[in-house]
Amino acid sequence: MAFFIGYVLLPLFFYTKKYLRFFSALLLVFAYAYVTEELVLERIFFEDKRAKYISNVFYTLLEIVPLIMTMVSFKFAWDISKKQNEVEQLKIAMQESELRFLKSQINPHFLFNNLNNLYSYAMENSPKTPSIILELSSVLRYMLYDCKEDYVSLIKEVEHLKHFTGLNELQIENRGAASFKAKNVSDTFVIAPLILIVFVENAFKHSSASQTKGIVIDVAIDVSADGKLNFMCSNSFLTDSNTQSLSQGIGLENVKKRLEILYPNKYELSIDASINMYNVALTLQLQERK
């Protein structure tokens, strides 16, 4: 009867939320257990004693039900454990799928912005075009071949960010200047790829779109001995320019989602727009290389 409840009634009615049918069937099982106990088993095993009279229903079920329910509870606990494991596997699969989707969005987003700029330089026969192509080649090589893993060497990520900054600095020409500083970066730690680049890309995009001169962009990275990364990115902009008309794009929301998935409770992100300055501060607890 415990086998029947655990392997038939639970999956057929209880797990499908047909509770009325489940408890109705359960009452029938207990009624069958009572009849079997009183009219069959006691006449076989207790012919000279208990078989001579019919016991009270309450006392008979008090002997039977605890044993049946104890055995059923083991099956129920096993099903819960199995279902919980399936849920965890599903959550992991969903996160991996979402991360692949978010990462795949970054590459077209980056190419769309930079190929348009490269096209305009080529049309003007600018002498900077070969340098831009070389920097773009280095950036794309990293994005295509090194970013397939969930985590990459911190040194590679910072080097990629340096190339990316140089690429965009070539494009602002004499309208301003960009600085990139990195301290205490080692190969000891790893980081999720293409996390920091979004903030730098936004800095160049909004500064270039809102200012014809006086562009200031500062990027700084510092890593503590215990693997806490401090990232700062500041850029100038004019509030009365066309910055507000720019498409917000997918970059910032993308990186926030990735941070929530990859670094839950391990990061602090602060974004502040003061007078003509946009400041991003990200503190991230890195993982050590295995």
C-alpha atoms as a PDB file:
ATOM      1  CA  MET A   1       0.000   0.000   0.000  1.00  0.00           C
ATOM      2  CA  ALA A   2       2.909   2.341   0.701  1.00  0.00           C
ATOM      3  CA  PHE A   3       4.290   1.431  -2.722  1.00  0.00           C
ATOM      4  CA  PHE A   4       0.902   2.179  -4.334  1.00  0.00           C
ATOM      5  CA  ILE A   5       0.629   5.567  -2.612  1.00  0.00           C
ATOM      6  CA  GLY A   6       4.245   6.551  -3.348  1.00  0.00           C
ATOM      7  CA  TYR A   7       4.505   5.406  -6.951  1.00  0.00           C
ATOM      8  CA  VAL A   8       0.907   5.803  -8.159  1.00  0.00           C
ATOM      9  CA  LEU A   9      -1.122   8.283  -6.120  1.00  0.00           C
ATOM     10  CA  LEU A  10       1.619  10.853  -5.520  1.00  0.00           C
ATOM     11  CA  PRO A  11       2.684  11.315  -9.169  1.00  0.00           C
ATOM     12  CA  LEU A  12      -0.821  10.790 -10.543  1.00  0.00           C
ATOM     13  CA  PHE A  13      -2.752  13.167  -8.286  1.00  0.00           C
ATOM     14  CA  PHE A  14      -0.651  14.964  -5.646  1.00  0.00           C
ATOM     15  CA  TYR A  15       2.142  16.250  -7.897  1.00  0.00           C
ATOM     16  CA  THR A  16      -0.418  17.332 -10.493  1.00  0.00           C
ATOM     17  CA  LYS A  17      -2.316  19.305  -7.800  1.00  0.00           C
ATOM     18  CA  LYS A  18      -5.422  17.126  -7.956  1.00  0.00           C
ATOM     19  CA  TYR A  19      -5.660  17.165  -4.195  1.00  0.00           C
ATOM     20  CA  LEU A  20      -9.335  16.161  -3.865  1.00  0.00           C
ATOM     21  CA  ARG A  21      -8.751  13.035  -5.921  1.00  0.00           C
ATOM     22  CA  PHE A  22      -5.580  12.292  -3.991  1.00  0.00           C
ATOM     23  CA  PHE A  23      -7.175  12.429  -0.543  1.00  0.00           C
ATOM     24  CA  SER A  24     -10.253  10.552  -1.769  1.00  0.00           C
ATOM     25  CA  ALA A  25      -8.013   7.796  -3.095  1.00  0.00           C
ATOM     26  CA  LEU A  26      -6.033   7.887   0.152  1.00  0.00           C
ATOM     27  CA  LEU A  27      -9.217   7.255   2.168  1.00  0.00           C
ATOM     28  CA  LEU A  28     -10.024   4.299  -0.077  1.00  0.00           C
ATOM     29  CA  VAL A  29      -6.542   2.905   0.494  1.00  0.00           C
ATOM     30  CA  PHE A  30      -6.915   3.186   4.261  1.00  0.00           C
ATOM     31  CA  ALA A  31     -10.369   1.579   4.074  1.00  0.00           C
ATOM     32  CA  TYR A  32      -8.885  -1.261   2.045  1.00  0.00           C
ATOM     33  CA  ALA A  33      -6.061  -1.550   4.588  1.00  0.00           C
ATOM     34  CA  TYR A  34      -8.592  -1.836   7.430  1.00  0.00           C
ATOM     35  CA  VAL A  35     -10.656  -4.495   5.657  1.00  0.00           C
ATOM     36  CA  THR A  36      -7.549  -6.464   4.693  1.00  0.00           C
ATOM     37  CA  GLU A  37      -6.211  -6.309   8.227  1.00  0.00           C
ATOM     38  CA  GLU A  38      -9.442  -7.377   9.912  1.00  0.00           C
ATOM     39  CA  LEU A  39     -10.801  -9.943   7.450  1.00  0.00           C
ATOM     40  CA  VAL A  40      -7.666 -11.438   5.916  1.00  0.00           C
ATOM     41  CA  LEU A  41      -4.405 -10.970   7.795  1.00  0.00           C
ATOM     42  CA  GLU A  42      -5.780 -11.463  11.329  1.00  0.00           C
ATOM     43  CA  ARG A  43      -7.575 -14.658  10.269  1.00  0.00           C
ATOM     44  CA  ILE A  44      -4.310 -15.996   8.887  1.00  0.00           C
ATOM     45  CA  PHE A  45      -1.842 -14.937  11.592  1.00  0.00           C
ATOM     46  CA  PHE A  46      -4.059 -14.476  14.687  1.00  0.00           C
ATOM     47  CA  GLU A  47      -6.776 -17.067  14.161  1.00  0.00           C
ATOM     48  CA  ASP A  48      -7.162 -17.903  17.869  1.00  0.00           C
ATOM     49  CA  LYS A  49      -7.104 -14.295  19.176  1.00  0.00           C
ATOM     50  CA  ARG A  50      -7.792 -11.169  17.163  1.00  0.00           C
ATOM     51  CA  ALA A  51      -9.617 -12.969  14.383  1.00  0.00           C
ATOM     52  CA  LYS A  52     -12.504 -13.732  16.755  1.00  0.00           C
ATOM     53  CA  TYR A  53     -13.659 -10.077  16.890  1.00  0.00           C
ATOM     54  CA  ILE A  54     -13.635  -6.934  14.734  1.00  0.00           C
ATOM     55  CA  SER A  55     -11.395  -4.227  16.148  1.00  0.00           C
ATOM     56  CA  ASN A  56     -12.293  -0.565  16.363  1.00  0.00           C
ATOM     57  CA  VAL A  57     -11.453   1.272  13.135  1.00  0.00           C
ATOM     58  CA  PHE A  58      -9.473   3.942  14.982  1.00  0.00           C
ATOM     59  CA  TYR A  59      -7.188   1.483  16.790  1.00  0.00           C
ATOM     60  CA  THR A  60      -6.601  -0.612  13.683  1.00  0.00           C
ATOM     61  CA  LEU A  61      -5.657   2.394  11.554  1.00  0.00           C
ATOM     62  CA  LEU A  62      -3.488   3.696  14.387  1.00  0.00           C
ATOM     63  CA  GLU A  63      -1.391   0.549  13.946  1.00  0.00           C
ATOM     64  CA  ILE A  64      -1.353   0.637  10.143  1.00  0.00           C
ATOM     65  CA  VAL A  65      -1.265   4.274   9.040  1.00  0.00           C
ATOM     66  CA  PRO A  66       2.006   5.367  10.780  1.00  0.00           C
ATOM     67  CA  LEU A  67       3.926   2.539   9.142  1.00  0.00           C
ATOM     68  CA  ILE A  68       2.472   3.244   5.712  1.00  0.00           C
ATOM     69  CA  MET A  69       3.047   6.991   5.969  1.00  0.00           C
ATOM     70  CA  THR A  70       6.610   6.534   7.217  1.00  0.00           C
ATOM     71  CA  MET A  71       7.424   4.466   4.155  1.00  0.00           C
ATOM     72  CA  VAL A  72       5.646   6.948   1.890  1.00  0.00           C
ATOM     73  CA  SER A  73       7.536   9.856   3.457  1.00  0.00           C
ATOM     74  CA  PHE A  74      10.844   8.331   2.309  1.00  0.00           C
ATOM     75  CA  LYS A  75       9.557   8.247  -1.263  1.00  0.00           C
ATOM     76  CA  PHE A  76       8.211  11.781  -0.924  1.00  0.00           C
ATOM     77  CA  ALA A  77      11.558  13.054   0.395  1.00  0.00           C
ATOM     78  CA  TRP A  78      13.365  11.303  -2.455  1.00  0.00           C
ATOM     79  CA  ASP A  79      11.065  12.936  -5.023  1.00  0.00           C
ATOM     80  CA  ILE A  80      11.613  16.375  -3.479  1.00  0.00           C
ATOM     81  CA  SER A  81      15.380  15.916  -3.543  1.00  0.00           C
ATOM     82  CA  LYS A  82      15.265  14.758  -7.147  1.00  0.00           C
ATOM     83  CA  LYS A  83      13.017  17.658  -8.161  1.00  0.00           C
ATOM     84  CA  GLN A  84      15.237  20.167  -6.375  1.00  0.00           C
ATOM     85  CA  ASN A  85      18.244  18.839  -8.234  1.00  0.00           C
ATOM     86  CA  GLU A  86      16.377  19.188 -11.530  1.00  0.00           C
ATOM     87  CA  VAL A  87      15.444  22.771 -10.649  1.00  0.00           C
ATOM     88  CA  GLU A  88      19.067  23.610  -9.835  1.00  0.00           C
ATOM     89  CA  GLN A  89      20.244  22.090 -13.108  1.00  0.00           C
ATOM     90  CA  LEU A  90      17.575  24.045 -14.972  1.00  0.00           C
ATOM     91  CA  LYS A  91      18.610  27.295 -13.276  1.00  0.00           C
ATOM     92  CA  ILE A  92      22.247  26.676 -14.224  1.00  0.00           C
ATOM     93  CA  ALA A  93      21.262  25.900 -17.807  1.00  0.00           C
ATOM     94  CA  MET A  94      19.126  29.053 -17.985  1.00  0.00           C
ATOM     95  CA  GLN A  95      21.935  31.189 -16.595  1.00  0.00           C
ATOM     96  CA  GLU A  96      24.436  29.740 -19.053  1.00  0.00           C
ATOM     97  CA  SER A  97      21.996  30.304 -21.889  1.00  0.00           C
ATOM     98  CA  GLU A  98      21.359  33.896 -20.804  1.00  0.00           C
ATOM     99  CA  LEU A  99      25.079  34.575 -20.450  1.00  0.00           C
ATOM    100  CA  ARG A 100      25.742  33.250 -23.955  1.00  0.00           C
ATOM    101  CA  PHE A 101      22.935  35.441 -25.254  1.00  0.00           C
ATOM    102  CA  LEU A 102      24.179  38.538 -23.425  1.00  0.00           C
ATOM    103  CA  LYS A 103      27.759  37.948 -24.546  1.00  0.00           C
ATOM    104  CA  SER A 104      26.651  37.461 -28.143  1.00  0.00           C
ATOM    105  CA  GLN A 105      24.954  40.864 -28.011  1.00  0.00           C
ATOM    106  CA  ILE A 106      28.180  42.667 -27.169  1.00  0.00           C
ATOM    107  CA  ASN A 107      30.119  41.778 -30.313  1.00  0.00           C
ATOM    108  CA  PRO A 108      27.570  43.099 -32.864  1.00  0.00           C
ATOM    109  CA  HIS A 109      27.016  46.140 -30.628  1.00  0.00           C
ATOM    110  CA  PHE A 110      30.741  46.906 -30.668  1.00  0.00           C
ATOM    111  CA  LEU A 111      31.141  46.256 -34.389  1.00  0.00           C
ATOM    112  CA  PHE A 112      28.161  48.412 -35.285  1.00  0.00           C
ATOM    113  CA  ASN A 113      29.673  51.486 -33.597  1.00  0.00           C
ATOM    114  CA  ASN A 114      33.269  51.073 -34.718  1.00  0.00           C
ATOM    115  CA  LEU A 115      32.756  49.970 -38.307  1.00  0.00           C
ATOM    116  CA  ASN A 116      30.660  53.090 -38.900  1.00  0.00           C
ATOM    117  CA  ASN A 117      33.535  55.231 -37.613  1.00  0.00           C
ATOM    118  CA  LEU A 118      36.068  53.286 -39.664  1.00  0.00           C
ATOM    119  CA  TYR A 119      33.951  53.789 -42.789  1.00  0.00           C
ATOM    120  CA  SER A 120      33.874  57.555 -42.316  1.00  0.00           C
ATOM    121  CA  TYR A 121      37.681  57.681 -41.894  1.00  0.00           C
ATOM    122  CA  ALA A 122      38.184  55.548 -44.990  1.00  0.00           C
ATOM    123  CA  MET A 123      35.905  57.838 -47.007  1.00  0.00           C
ATOM    124  CA  GLU A 124      38.032  60.815 -45.938  1.00  0.00           C
ATOM    125  CA  ASN A 125      41.287  58.937 -46.737  1.00  0.00           C
ATOM    126  CA  SER A 126      42.471  59.684 -43.215  1.00  0.00           C
ATOM    127  CA  PRO A 127      46.089  58.645 -42.469  1.00  0.00           C
ATOM    128  CA  LYS A 128      44.820  57.219 -39.184  1.00  0.00           C
ATOM    129  CA  THR A 129      42.814  54.529 -40.952  1.00  0.00           C
ATOM    130  CA  PRO A 130      45.624  51.872 -40.910  1.00  0.00           C
ATOM    131  CA  SER A 131      46.194  52.463 -37.167  1.00  0.00           C
ATOM    132  CA  ILE A 132      42.481  52.129 -36.475  1.00  0.00           C
ATOM    133  CA  ILE A 133      42.336  48.883 -38.456  1.00  0.00           C
ATOM    134  CA  LEU A 134      45.325  47.509 -36.518  1.00  0.00           C
ATOM    135  CA  GLU A 135      43.783  48.378 -33.144  1.00  0.00           C
ATOM    136  CA  LEU A 136      40.421  47.006 -34.244  1.00  0.00           C
ATOM    137  CA  SER A 137      42.102  43.788 -35.358  1.00  0.00           C
ATOM    138  CA  SER A 138      43.672  43.315 -31.898  1.00  0.00           C
ATOM    139  CA  VAL A 139      40.369  43.958 -30.184  1.00  0.00           C
ATOM    140  CA  LEU A 140      38.430  41.584 -32.447  1.00  0.00           C
ATOM    141  CA  ARG A 141      41.051  38.849 -32.098  1.00  0.00           C
ATOM    142  CA  TYR A 142      40.546  38.933 -28.344  1.00  0.00           C
ATOM    143  CA  MET A 143      36.765  38.986 -28.593  1.00  0.00           C
ATOM    144  CA  LEU A 144      36.610  36.121 -31.090  1.00  0.00           C
ATOM    145  CA  TYR A 145      39.196  33.755 -29.630  1.00  0.00           C
ATOM    146  CA  ASP A 146      39.835  34.579 -25.966  1.00  0.00           C
ATOM    147  CA  CYS A 147      36.280  35.358 -24.833  1.00  0.00           C
ATOM    148  CA  LYS A 148      34.864  31.894 -25.388  1.00  0.00           C
ATOM    149  CA  GLU A 149      35.587  30.957 -21.783  1.00  0.00           C
ATOM    150  CA  ASP A 150      33.446  32.097 -18.866  1.00  0.00           C
ATOM    151  CA  TYR A 151      36.497  33.672 -17.215  1.00  0.00           C
ATOM    152  CA  VAL A 152      39.726  35.003 -18.722  1.00  0.00           C
ATOM    153  CA  SER A 153      43.044  36.168 -17.357  1.00  0.00           C
ATOM    154  CA  LEU A 154      42.833  39.632 -15.820  1.00  0.00           C
ATOM    155  CA  ILE A 155      45.980  40.662 -17.686  1.00  0.00           C
ATOM    156  CA  LYS A 156      44.400  39.787 -21.048  1.00  0.00           C
ATOM    157  CA  GLU A 157      41.203  41.629 -20.202  1.00  0.00           C
ATOM    158  CA  VAL A 158      43.080  44.774 -19.154  1.00  0.00           C
ATOM    159  CA  GLU A 159      45.296  44.600 -22.251  1.00  0.00           C
ATOM    160  CA  HIS A 160      42.180  44.307 -24.388  1.00  0.00           C
ATOM    161  CA  LEU A 161      40.672  47.321 -22.619  1.00  0.00           C
ATOM    162  CA  LYS A 162      43.882  49.267 -23.285  1.00  0.00           C
ATOM    163  CA  HIS A 163      43.675  48.488 -27.026  1.00  0.00           C
ATOM    164  CA  PHE A 164      40.018  49.436 -27.031  1.00  0.00           C
ATOM    165  CA  THR A 165      40.751  52.779 -25.366  1.00  0.00           C
ATOM    166  CA  GLY A 166      43.531  53.469 -27.845  1.00  0.00           C
ATOM    167  CA  LEU A 167      41.224  52.627 -30.724  1.00  0.00           C
ATOM    168  CA  ASN A 168      38.623  55.110 -29.569  1.00  0.00           C
ATOM    169  CA  GLU A 169      41.199  57.756 -28.679  1.00  0.00           C
ATOM    170  CA  LEU A 170      42.327  57.768 -32.316  1.00  0.00           C
ATOM    171  CA  GLN A 171      38.792  58.581 -33.342  1.00  0.00           C
ATOM    172  CA  ILE A 172      38.323  61.664 -31.154  1.00  0.00           C
ATOM    173  CA  GLU A 173      41.463  63.161 -32.750  1.00  0.00           C
ATOM    174  CA  ASN A 174      42.190  66.669 -31.434  1.00  0.00           C
ATOM    175  CA  ARG A 175      38.829  67.092 -29.699  1.00  0.00           C
ATOM    176  CA  GLY A 176      40.189  65.945 -26.364  1.00  0.00           C
ATOM    177  CA  ALA A 177      42.266  63.325 -24.583  1.00  0.00           C
ATOM    178  CA  ALA A 178      41.806  59.965 -22.931  1.00  0.00           C
ATOM    179  CA  SER A 179      43.949  58.408 -20.207  1.00  0.00           C
ATOM    180  CA  PHE A 180      44.208  54.755 -19.218  1.00  0.00           C
ATOM    181  CA  LYS A 181      45.962  53.635 -16.023  1.00  0.00           C
ATOM    182  CA  ALA A 182      46.243  50.131 -14.601  1.00  0.00           C
ATOM    183  CA  LYS A 183      48.077  49.200 -11.381  1.00  0.00           C
ATOM    184  CA  ASN A 184      48.819  45.909  -9.645  1.00  0.00           C
ATOM    185  CA  VAL A 185      47.331  43.821 -12.451  1.00  0.00           C
ATOM    186  CA  SER A 186      48.572  40.248 -12.275  1.00  0.00           C
ATOM    187  CA  ASP A 187      47.909  36.891 -13.844  1.00  0.00           C
ATOM    188  CA  THR A 188      46.792  35.530 -10.465  1.00  0.00           C
ATOM    189  CA  PHE A 189      43.155  36.457 -10.967  1.00  0.00           C
ATOM    190  CA  VAL A 190      40.516  35.907 -13.621  1.00  0.00           C
ATOM    191  CA  ILE A 191      37.520  38.000 -14.642  1.00  0.00           C
ATOM    192  CA  ALA A 192      34.405  37.547 -16.745  1.00  0.00           C
ATOM    193  CA  PRO A 193      35.262  38.901 -20.192  1.00  0.00           C
ATOM    194  CA  LEU A 194      33.784  42.092 -21.652  1.00  0.00           C
ATOM    195  CA  ILE A 195      32.459  43.372 -18.337  1.00  0.00           C
ATOM    196  CA  LEU A 196      34.447  46.618 -18.143  1.00  0.00           C
ATOM    197  CA  ILE A 197      34.456  47.488 -21.819  1.00  0.00           C
ATOM    198  CA  VAL A 198      30.808  48.546 -21.777  1.00  0.00           C
ATOM    199  CA  PHE A 199      31.490  51.468 -19.435  1.00  0.00           C
ATOM    200  CA  VAL A 200      34.465  52.648 -21.497  1.00  0.00           C
ATOM    201  CA  GLU A 201      32.501  52.378 -24.717  1.00  0.00           C
ATOM    202  CA  ASN A 202      29.655  54.430 -23.253  1.00  0.00           C
ATOM    203  CA  ALA A 203      32.127  57.055 -22.062  1.00  0.00           C
ATOM    204  CA  PHE A 204      33.523  57.580 -25.548  1.00  0.00           C
ATOM    205  CA  LYS A 205      30.105  57.421 -27.172  1.00  0.00           C
ATOM    206  CA  HIS A 206      28.449  60.052 -24.993  1.00  0.00           C
ATOM    207  CA  SER A 207      31.453  62.379 -24.834  1.00  0.00           C
ATOM    208  CA  SER A 208      31.943  62.286 -28.603  1.00  0.00           C
ATOM    209  CA  ALA A 209      28.257  62.850 -29.281  1.00  0.00           C
ATOM    210  CA  SER A 210      27.869  65.791 -26.895  1.00  0.00           C
ATOM    211  CA  GLN A 211      31.166  67.650 -27.335  1.00  0.00           C
ATOM    212  CA  THR A 212      33.048  69.040 -30.297  1.00  0.00           C
ATOM    213  CA  LYS A 213      36.072  69.828 -28.124  1.00  0.00           C
ATOM    214  CA  GLY A 214      37.325  69.500 -24.561  1.00  0.00           C
ATOM    215  CA  ILE A 215      36.595  65.775 -24.294  1.00  0.00           C
ATOM    216  CA  VAL A 216      38.038  64.261 -21.113  1.00  0.00           C
ATOM    217  CA  ILE A 217      37.959  60.510 -20.464  1.00  0.00           C
ATOM    218  CA  ASP A 218      39.800  58.852 -17.579  1.00  0.00           C
ATOM    219  CA  VAL A 219      39.952  55.101 -17.014  1.00  0.00           C
ATOM    220  CA  ALA A 220      41.715  53.656 -13.970  1.00  0.00           C
ATOM    221  CA  ILE A 221      42.077  50.098 -12.684  1.00  0.00           C
ATOM    222  CA  ASP A 222      43.651  49.044  -9.408  1.00  0.00           C
ATOM    223  CA  VAL A 223      43.720  45.541  -7.907  1.00  0.00           C
ATOM    224  CA  SER A 224      44.345  44.803  -4.228  1.00  0.00           C
ATOM    225  CA  ALA A 225      46.326  41.840  -2.975  1.00  0.00           C
ATOM    226  CA  ASP A 226      43.167  39.911  -2.056  1.00  0.00           C
ATOM    227  CA  GLY A 227      41.733  40.275  -5.568  1.00  0.00           C
ATOM    228  CA  LYS A 228      39.403  43.232  -5.153  1.00  0.00           C
ATOM    229  CA  LEU A 229      39.271  45.151  -8.411  1.00  0.00           C
ATOM    230  CA  ASN A 230      38.548  48.877  -8.313  1.00  0.00           C
ATOM    231  CA  PHE A 231      37.477  50.269 -11.663  1.00  0.00           C
ATOM    232  CA  MET A 232      36.856  53.958 -12.305  1.00  0.00           C
ATOM    233  CA  CYS A 233      35.663  55.517 -15.533  1.00  0.00           C
ATOM    234  CA  SER A 234      34.897  59.222 -15.897  1.00  0.00           C
ATOM    235  CA  ASN A 235      33.912  61.165 -18.960  1.00  0.00           C
ATOM    236  CA  SER A 236      32.862  64.706 -19.701  1.00  0.00           C
ATOM    237  CA  PHE A 237      29.615  65.599 -21.448  1.00  0.00           C
ATOM    238  CA  LEU A 238      27.402  68.585 -22.076  1.00  0.00           C
ATOM    239  CA  THR A 239      23.882  68.400 -20.691  1.00  0.00           C
ATOM    240  CA  ASP A 240      22.450  70.722 -23.350  1.00  0.00           C
ATOM    241  CA  SER A 241      23.777  68.607 -26.217  1.00  0.00           C
ATOM    242  CA  ASN A 242      22.241  65.747 -28.139  1.00  0.00           C
ATOM    243  CA  THR A 243      23.325  63.114 -25.591  1.00  0.00           C
ATOM    244  CA  GLN A 244      19.743  62.494 -24.508  1.00  0.00           C
ATOM    245  CA  SER A 245      18.756  61.661 -28.080  1.00  0.00           C
ATOM    246  CA  LEU A 246      21.273  58.859 -28.286  1.00  0.00           C
ATOM    247  CA  SER A 247      19.907  55.357 -28.286  1.00  0.00           C
ATOM    248  CA  GLN A 248      20.397  53.842 -24.839  1.00  0.00           C
ATOM    249  CA  GLY A 249      21.317  50.539 -26.467  1.00  0.00           C
ATOM    250  CA  ILE A 250      21.833  47.214 -24.781  1.00  0.00           C
ATOM    251  CA  GLY A 251      25.258  47.753 -23.230  1.00  0.00           C
ATOM    252  CA  LEU A 252      24.539  49.027 -19.717  1.00  0.00           C
ATOM    253  CA  GLU A 253      21.550  46.778 -19.026  1.00  0.00           C
ATOM    254  CA  ASN A 254      23.545  43.908 -20.463  1.00  0.00           C
ATOM    255  CA  VAL A 255      26.467  44.334 -18.089  1.00  0.00           C
ATOM    256  CA  LYS A 256      24.181  44.762 -15.060  1.00  0.00           C
ATOM    257  CA  LYS A 257      22.509  41.439 -15.822  1.00  0.00           C
ATOM    258  CA  ARG A 258      25.869  39.729 -16.242  1.00  0.00           C
ATOM    259  CA  LEU A 259      27.096  41.124 -12.935  1.00  0.00           C
ATOM    260  CA  GLU A 260      23.977  39.842 -11.153  1.00  0.00           C
ATOM    261  CA  ILE A 261      24.467  36.366 -12.611  1.00  0.00           C
ATOM    262  CA  LEU A 262      28.255  36.032 -12.347  1.00  0.00           C
ATOM    263  CA  TYR A 263      29.021  38.088  -9.235  1.00  0.00           C
ATOM    264  CA  PRO A 264      26.005  37.964  -6.899  1.00  0.00           C
ATOM    265  CA  ASN A 265      26.798  39.883  -3.687  1.00  0.00           C
ATOM    266  CA  LYS A 266      30.389  40.290  -4.893  1.00  0.00           C
ATOM    267  CA  TYR A 267      30.229  43.656  -6.596  1.00  0.00           C
ATOM    268  CA  GLU A 268      29.256  47.280  -5.991  1.00  0.00           C
ATOM    269  CA  LEU A 269      28.323  49.501  -8.904  1.00  0.00           C
ATOM    270  CA  SER A 270      27.909  53.242  -8.549  1.00  0.00           C
ATOM    271  CA  ILE A 271      26.924  55.540 -11.421  1.00  0.00           C
ATOM    272  CA  ASP A 272      26.819  59.263 -10.806  1.00  0.00           C
ATOM    273  CA  ALA A 273      26.138  62.090 -13.229  1.00  0.00           C
ATOM    274  CA  SER A 274      27.391  65.366 -11.773  1.00  0.00           C
ATOM    275  CA  ILE A 275      27.748  68.674 -13.593  1.00  0.00           C
ATOM    276  CA  ASN A 276      29.213  67.856 -17.019  1.00  0.00           C
ATOM    277  CA  MET A 277      30.847  64.663 -15.660  1.00  0.00           C
ATOM    278  CA  TYR A 278      29.676  61.077 -15.723  1.00  0.00           C
ATOM    279  CA  ASN A 279      31.367  58.795 -13.197  1.00  0.00           C
ATOM    280  CA  VAL A 280      31.268  55.008 -12.948  1.00  0.00           C
ATOM    281  CA  ALA A 281      32.798  53.153 -10.006  1.00  0.00           C
ATOM    282  CA  LEU A 282      32.808  49.378  -9.900  1.00  0.00           C
ATOM    283  CA  THR A 283      34.259  47.244  -7.119  1.00  0.00           C
ATOM    284  CA  LEU A 284      34.519  43.585  -8.000  1.00  0.00           C
ATOM    285  CA  GLN A 285      35.784  40.620  -6.012  1.00  0.00           C
ATOM    286  CA  LEU A 286      37.810  38.553  -8.487  1.00  0.00           C
ATOM    287  CA  GLN A 287      38.374  34.820  -8.479  1.00  0.00           C
ATOM    288  CA  GLU A 288      41.832  33.314  -8.335  1.00  0.00           C
ATOM    289  CA  ARG A 289      43.101  31.365 -11.303  1.00  0.00           C
ATOM    290  CA  LYS A 290      42.684  27.628 -10.796  1.00  0.00           C
END
